[in-house]
C-alpha cells in the first residue's frame, strides 16, 4: 500500500494527456502504470508478473 500513490499519480497524468490529445504520452503513461504495479507486486512478493511468471525472486 505504501507505494500505490504513485500509480494514482500516473493515472492522473495519463488522464490529462488523453484529455489534451497527447495520445503517445498517454500510452507511455499507461505502460508506466503497468510497470509500477508490477514493481509494487514484486516488492511484496505476492503475485505473478505481467507475463504470468513468478517474478518475485527475479
Foldseek 3Di string as FASTA:
>chain_A
DVQCVVLVVLVVVLVVCVVVVVVVSNVVSVVVSLVSVQVVCLCVQPAAHPVRHRPVPD
